[in-house]
Protein backbone atom coordinates (compact mmCIF):
# COMPACT_ATOMS: atom_id res chain seq x y z
CA MET A 1 42.44 83.97 -12.49
CA LYS A 2 45.96 84.30 -13.68
CA LEU A 3 47.26 82.87 -16.63
CA THR A 4 50.58 83.79 -17.72
CA ILE A 5 53.05 81.50 -19.00
CA ASP A 6 56.80 81.39 -17.73
CA ASN A 7 59.35 82.07 -20.53
CA GLU A 8 60.94 78.76 -19.22
CA ILE A 9 58.70 76.72 -21.94
CA PHE A 10 61.12 78.66 -24.43
CA SER A 11 64.31 78.65 -22.87
CA ASP A 12 65.77 75.32 -24.15
CA LYS A 13 64.28 75.97 -27.83
CA PRO A 14 65.85 78.25 -30.50
CA ASP A 15 64.38 81.61 -30.74
CA LYS A 16 62.57 81.47 -34.22
CA TYR A 17 59.66 82.38 -35.45
CA PHE A 18 57.65 79.25 -36.51
CA TYR A 19 57.34 76.01 -34.45
CA LYS A 20 56.44 72.50 -36.18
CA ILE A 21 53.57 70.50 -34.74
CA ALA A 22 56.02 68.25 -33.14
CA GLU A 23 57.93 70.69 -31.50
CA VAL A 24 54.46 71.94 -30.16
CA VAL A 25 53.43 68.76 -28.95
CA SER A 26 56.64 68.04 -26.75
CA MET A 27 56.20 71.78 -25.05
CA VAL A 28 52.34 71.68 -24.35
CA GLY A 29 52.52 67.90 -23.65
CA VAL A 30 49.48 66.88 -25.25
CA GLU A 31 49.10 64.68 -28.50
CA ALA A 32 48.95 66.17 -31.87
CA HIS A 33 45.26 65.31 -32.47
CA VAL A 34 44.72 67.09 -29.25
CA LEU A 35 46.11 70.13 -30.63
CA ARG A 36 44.33 69.91 -33.65
CA TYR A 37 41.09 69.43 -31.88
CA TRP A 38 41.74 72.60 -30.13
CA GLU A 39 42.61 74.40 -33.44
CA LYS A 40 38.77 73.83 -34.27
CA GLU A 41 37.20 74.31 -30.93
CA PHE A 42 39.39 77.67 -29.88
CA LEU A 43 39.46 79.09 -33.29
CA PHE A 44 43.18 79.06 -34.18
CA LYS A 45 44.61 79.74 -37.62
CA PRO A 46 48.21 78.32 -37.61
CA PHE A 47 50.31 78.92 -40.50
CA LYS A 48 50.01 76.34 -42.87
CA SER A 49 53.75 76.18 -45.40
CA GLY A 50 53.05 74.84 -48.80
CA ASN A 51 53.05 71.16 -48.05
CA LYS A 52 50.45 71.88 -45.79
CA HIS A 53 52.36 71.32 -42.71
CA ARG A 54 50.97 73.47 -39.66
CA LYS A 55 53.34 75.99 -38.44
CA TYR A 56 53.18 77.62 -34.70
CA GLN A 57 54.24 80.96 -33.20
CA LYS A 58 54.70 81.10 -29.69
CA LYS A 59 51.79 83.08 -28.94
CA ASP A 60 49.87 79.87 -30.13
CA ILE A 61 51.94 77.99 -28.25
CA ILE A 62 50.97 79.96 -25.37
CA LYS A 63 47.10 79.59 -25.85
CA PHE A 64 47.83 75.94 -25.90
CA ILE A 65 49.43 76.06 -22.72
CA GLN A 66 46.68 78.33 -21.13
CA ILE A 67 43.92 75.79 -22.66
CA LYS A 68 45.96 72.82 -20.97
CA LYS A 69 45.86 74.57 -17.66
CA LEU A 70 42.19 75.50 -17.69
CA LEU A 71 40.84 72.23 -18.76
CA TYR A 72 43.38 69.67 -17.22
CA GLU A 73 44.29 72.03 -13.68
CA LYS A 74 41.63 73.84 -13.22
CA LYS A 75 38.67 71.04 -14.63
CA TYR A 76 37.13 73.97 -16.89
CA THR A 77 34.87 72.69 -19.64
CA LEU A 78 35.43 73.25 -23.11
CA GLU A 79 32.85 76.28 -22.80
CA GLY A 80 34.14 77.48 -19.31
CA ALA A 81 37.82 77.67 -21.09
CA LYS A 82 36.23 79.48 -24.19
CA LYS A 83 34.59 82.31 -21.83
CA ILE A 84 37.61 82.67 -19.37
CA LEU A 85 39.91 83.18 -22.60
CA LYS A 86 37.41 85.39 -24.07
CA ARG A 87 37.31 87.44 -21.21
CA ARG A 88 41.00 87.62 -20.55
CA LYS A 89 41.11 88.99 -24.44
CA LYS A 90 38.61 91.86 -23.97
CA LEU A 91 40.72 92.73 -20.89
CA ASP A 92 44.02 92.84 -22.75
CA ILE A 93 41.94 94.79 -25.41
CA LYS A 94 40.72 97.16 -22.65
CA TYR A 95 44.51 97.41 -20.95
CA ILE A 96 46.12 98.31 -24.53
CA ILE A 97 43.23 100.82 -25.18
CA SER A 98 43.79 102.53 -21.68
CA GLU A 99 47.36 102.48 -22.10
CA LEU A 100 47.11 104.36 -25.79
CA ASN A 101 44.82 106.77 -24.29
CA LYS A 102 47.83 107.83 -21.92
CA ILE A 103 50.11 108.35 -24.45
CA LYS A 104 47.61 110.12 -26.61
CA GLY A 105 47.25 112.32 -23.72
CA ILE A 106 50.78 112.69 -22.79
CA MET A 107 51.27 113.52 -26.66
CA LYS A 108 48.82 116.20 -26.43
CA THR A 109 50.46 117.60 -23.34
CA SER A 110 53.50 117.77 -25.36
CA GLU A 111 52.23 119.39 -28.57
CA CYS A 112 50.77 121.87 -26.24
CA SER A 113 53.85 122.87 -24.46
CA ALA A 114 55.71 122.67 -27.60
CA ASP A 115 53.32 125.30 -29.07
CA TRP A 116 53.65 127.44 -25.73
CA GLN A 117 57.58 127.13 -25.86
CA ARG A 118 57.23 128.73 -29.78
CA THR A 119 55.55 131.49 -28.74
């Protein structure tokens, strides 16, 4: 299942590192108490400012939107949504590792080629 999120959600928002919970509520389309519940269920750790206000990054907002799609549109249970997201995270990690291994191979080839050219 594809869970990509269009950057359109951020197109009319200023490009910044942190978003307040009120901004996230309007972007995701759920109440603040729902976001706080999902934080607990899906093990979010938002940044909290000195006055204990939650601050979210784009990656958090994207994850909230993915959760909303899984729960509200695809009708997954909480446990089902957790499994999907966990599986997706594993796939992302495997992809990153494979890309790093490709780069490592290219670098080794380049080093051998450079050593050969020096002799």
